Protein backbone atom coordinates (compact mmCIF):
# COMPACT_ATOMS: atom_id res chain seq x y z
CA MET A 1 57.27 188.88 54.82
CA ALA A 2 60.57 190.60 55.47
CA THR A 3 63.05 190.53 58.32
CA THR A 4 64.25 193.31 60.60
CA ASN A 5 67.44 193.43 58.51
CA ASP A 6 65.35 194.91 55.65
CA ILE A 7 64.22 197.94 57.70
CA LYS A 8 65.11 201.31 56.19
CA ASN A 9 63.91 204.87 56.83
CA GLY A 10 60.51 205.27 55.17
CA THR A 11 59.63 201.56 55.37
CA VAL A 12 55.99 200.99 56.31
CA LEU A 13 55.31 198.08 58.68
CA LYS A 14 52.01 196.43 59.51
CA LEU A 15 52.02 195.73 63.26
CA GLU A 16 48.95 194.70 65.28
CA GLY A 17 46.66 195.71 62.39
CA GLN A 18 48.06 199.26 62.13
CA LEU A 19 50.49 200.90 59.73
CA TRP A 20 53.74 202.34 61.11
CA ASN A 21 56.28 204.43 59.18
CA ILE A 22 59.96 204.01 60.20
CA ILE A 23 61.45 207.43 60.98
CA GLU A 24 64.82 206.25 62.33
CA PHE A 25 66.46 202.88 62.82
CA GLN A 26 69.72 201.64 64.27
CA HIS A 27 71.14 198.14 64.03
CA VAL A 28 72.86 197.44 67.37
CA LYS A 29 75.33 194.61 67.91
CA PRO A 30 76.37 194.57 71.56
CA GLY A 31 79.48 192.70 72.69
CA LYS A 32 77.38 190.33 74.78
CA GLY A 33 74.03 188.94 73.66
CA GLY A 34 72.21 188.97 70.35
CA ALA A 35 71.95 191.83 67.89
CA PHE A 36 68.79 193.92 67.72
CA VAL A 37 67.25 196.77 65.75
CA ARG A 38 66.16 199.91 67.60
CA THR A 39 63.51 201.92 65.71
CA LYS A 40 61.50 205.10 66.03
CA MET A 41 58.15 204.68 64.30
CA ARG A 42 55.20 206.97 63.54
CA ASN A 43 51.66 205.63 63.44
CA ILE A 44 50.43 206.71 60.02
CA LEU A 45 46.82 207.33 61.06
CA SER A 46 47.23 208.91 64.52
CA GLY A 47 50.71 210.46 64.08
CA LYS A 48 51.87 209.01 67.43
CA VAL A 49 55.63 208.36 67.60
CA VAL A 50 56.95 205.37 69.56
CA ASP A 51 60.29 203.64 70.08
CA LYS A 52 60.30 199.89 69.46
CA THR A 53 63.09 197.32 69.58
CA PHE A 54 63.12 194.19 67.42
CA ASN A 55 65.45 191.19 67.70
CA ALA A 56 67.68 190.90 64.63
CA GLY A 57 66.36 188.51 61.98
CA LEU A 58 62.78 188.62 63.32
CA LYS A 59 60.14 188.27 60.60
CA ILE A 60 57.98 191.38 60.18
CA GLU A 61 55.13 192.24 57.85
CA THR A 62 55.69 195.19 55.53
CA ALA A 63 52.82 197.06 53.91
CA THR A 64 52.71 197.85 50.21
CA VAL A 65 52.85 201.61 49.89
CA ASP A 66 52.83 203.29 46.50
CA ARG A 67 54.43 206.72 46.35
CA SER A 68 53.30 208.89 43.43
CA ASP A 69 53.96 212.46 42.33
CA TYR A 70 51.00 214.80 42.59
CA GLU A 71 50.38 218.49 42.05
CA TYR A 72 48.37 220.46 44.60
CA LEU A 73 45.37 222.09 42.89
CA TYR A 74 43.06 223.67 45.48
CA GLN A 75 41.40 223.39 48.88
CA ASP A 76 37.79 222.18 48.97
CA GLY A 77 36.43 222.94 52.44
CA GLU A 78 38.42 220.76 54.86
CA ASP A 79 39.83 218.61 52.03
CA PHE A 80 42.64 219.20 49.55
CA VAL A 81 42.55 218.22 45.88
CA PHE A 82 45.67 216.91 44.13
CA MET A 83 46.26 215.82 40.53
CA ASP A 84 48.36 212.81 39.55
CA THR A 85 51.13 214.13 37.26
CA GLN A 86 51.19 210.86 35.26
CA ASN A 87 47.55 210.23 34.34
CA TYR A 88 45.89 213.52 35.48
CA ASP A 89 43.47 211.76 37.86
CA GLN A 90 42.33 213.90 40.77
CA LEU A 91 42.69 212.72 44.37
CA THR A 92 40.95 214.28 47.38
CA VAL A 93 42.96 214.11 50.61
CA SER A 94 41.49 214.99 54.03
CA GLY A 95 42.89 217.91 56.00
CA LYS A 96 43.78 215.50 58.82
CA THR A 97 46.04 213.51 56.46
CA VAL A 98 47.68 216.67 55.07
CA GLY A 99 48.29 218.01 58.61
CA GLU A 100 51.03 220.60 59.13
CA ALA A 101 51.94 220.56 55.42
CA THR A 102 49.17 223.14 54.83
CA ASN A 103 51.55 225.78 56.24
CA PHE A 104 53.77 225.46 53.16
CA MET A 105 51.37 224.50 50.34
CA LEU A 106 50.54 226.85 47.48
CA GLU A 107 48.67 225.90 44.31
CA ASN A 108 50.76 223.97 41.75
CA LEU A 109 53.21 222.67 44.40
CA HIS A 110 54.56 219.21 43.51
CA VAL A 111 54.32 216.71 46.38
CA THR A 112 54.68 212.96 46.83
CA ILE A 113 51.64 211.15 48.25
CA ALA A 114 51.92 207.68 49.78
CA LEU A 115 48.92 205.43 49.08
CA HIS A 116 48.07 202.09 50.69
CA GLU A 117 45.31 200.19 48.85
CA GLY A 118 44.09 203.47 47.33
CA THR A 119 43.92 205.32 50.65
CA PRO A 120 46.21 208.37 51.10
CA LEU A 121 48.44 207.83 54.15
CA TYR A 122 50.66 210.92 54.22
CA LEU A 123 52.30 213.41 51.89
CA GLU A 124 55.90 214.43 51.51
CA LEU A 125 56.74 218.03 50.65
CA PRO A 126 59.91 219.12 48.89
CA PRO A 127 62.69 219.98 51.42
CA SER A 128 62.13 223.72 50.89
CA VAL A 129 59.54 226.01 49.31
CA GLN A 130 59.52 229.63 48.17
CA LEU A 131 56.94 231.80 49.92
CA ARG A 132 56.26 235.54 49.86
CA ILE A 133 56.22 237.57 53.09
CA THR A 134 52.78 239.20 53.41
CA TYR A 135 53.31 241.02 56.70
CA THR A 136 56.20 241.81 59.00
CA GLU A 137 57.03 244.73 61.28
CA PRO A 138 59.83 247.01 60.08
CA GLY A 139 63.09 245.94 61.70
CA LEU A 140 64.86 248.61 63.72
CA GLN A 141 68.63 248.46 63.88
CA GLY A 142 70.10 248.47 67.39
CA ASP A 143 67.02 247.57 69.48
CA ARG A 144 68.00 244.00 70.20
CA SER A 145 70.11 241.98 72.53
CA SER A 146 70.40 238.81 70.42
CA ALA A 147 71.05 237.85 66.79
CA GLY A 148 67.99 239.78 65.63
CA THR A 149 64.98 238.01 64.22
CA LYS A 150 61.37 239.07 63.97
CA PRO A 151 58.08 237.29 63.22
CA ALA A 152 56.80 237.40 59.65
CA THR A 153 53.63 236.00 58.08
CA VAL A 154 53.96 234.21 54.73
CA GLU A 155 51.27 233.96 52.04
CA THR A 156 49.88 230.70 53.45
CA GLY A 157 49.19 232.41 56.80
CA TYR A 158 52.03 230.62 58.61
CA GLU A 159 54.34 232.66 60.85
CA ILE A 160 58.12 232.22 60.66
CA GLN A 161 61.13 233.98 62.20
CA VAL A 162 63.16 236.06 59.73
CA PRO A 163 66.19 238.39 60.02
CA LEU A 164 65.53 242.10 60.65
CA PHE A 165 66.39 243.18 57.09
CA ILE A 166 63.46 241.24 55.53
CA ASP A 167 60.60 243.48 54.35
CA ASN A 168 57.01 242.90 53.22
CA ASN A 169 56.60 241.31 49.77
CA THR A 170 60.03 239.64 49.92
CA LEU A 171 60.32 236.12 48.45
CA VAL A 172 62.02 233.78 50.94
CA LYS A 173 63.03 230.12 51.02
CA VAL A 174 61.51 228.15 53.94
CA ASP A 175 62.48 224.69 55.24
CA THR A 176 59.33 222.50 55.18
CA ARG A 177 60.59 220.17 57.93
CA ASP A 178 60.81 222.77 60.72
CA GLY A 179 59.52 226.03 59.21
CA SER A 180 62.85 227.84 59.49
CA TYR A 181 64.02 230.68 57.25
CA LEU A 182 66.71 229.56 54.77
CA GLY A 183 67.35 232.76 52.81
CA ARG A 184 66.05 235.31 50.35
CA VAL A 185 65.26 234.34 46.78
CA SER A 186 66.31 236.75 44.03
CA GLU A 187 63.54 237.54 41.57
């Protein structure tokens, strides 16, 4: 058992029989009344995000979550196969658990997978990945009214917005949190 004072981003709590991952937390100490902890939590299985407030010092149950480094090997139907980089064991993770991360995953990508009692809960990608542009329209100078971006498809099939000067077969850096273009990568 832990208390609400032990809450940090990434802590996994066991509430009402379900696992919740802390996304954000704020310890609030108002001038009048007792202190409390305001949290934003994501349900690990359903992905639902809720705001919950705990009184300071309240006892809460934390779940034991092991985070290990894995390497993405290949997709097997709806599932994805990863290899533990320490002992080379293979782990199959469902497409539902992988979720939106498929937009940025290429073979041999190193990820961190969180396991609870041997069950994969979620995976964490690196902050950015390098992907090759497979298709984009040629950008025409002068035919715009704003900063000038265009849609481009990367090798995973995901579509991002890139500046007009980006051409097909260009290697770009993409933010895995929001899918935004971060810059070109020199080869």
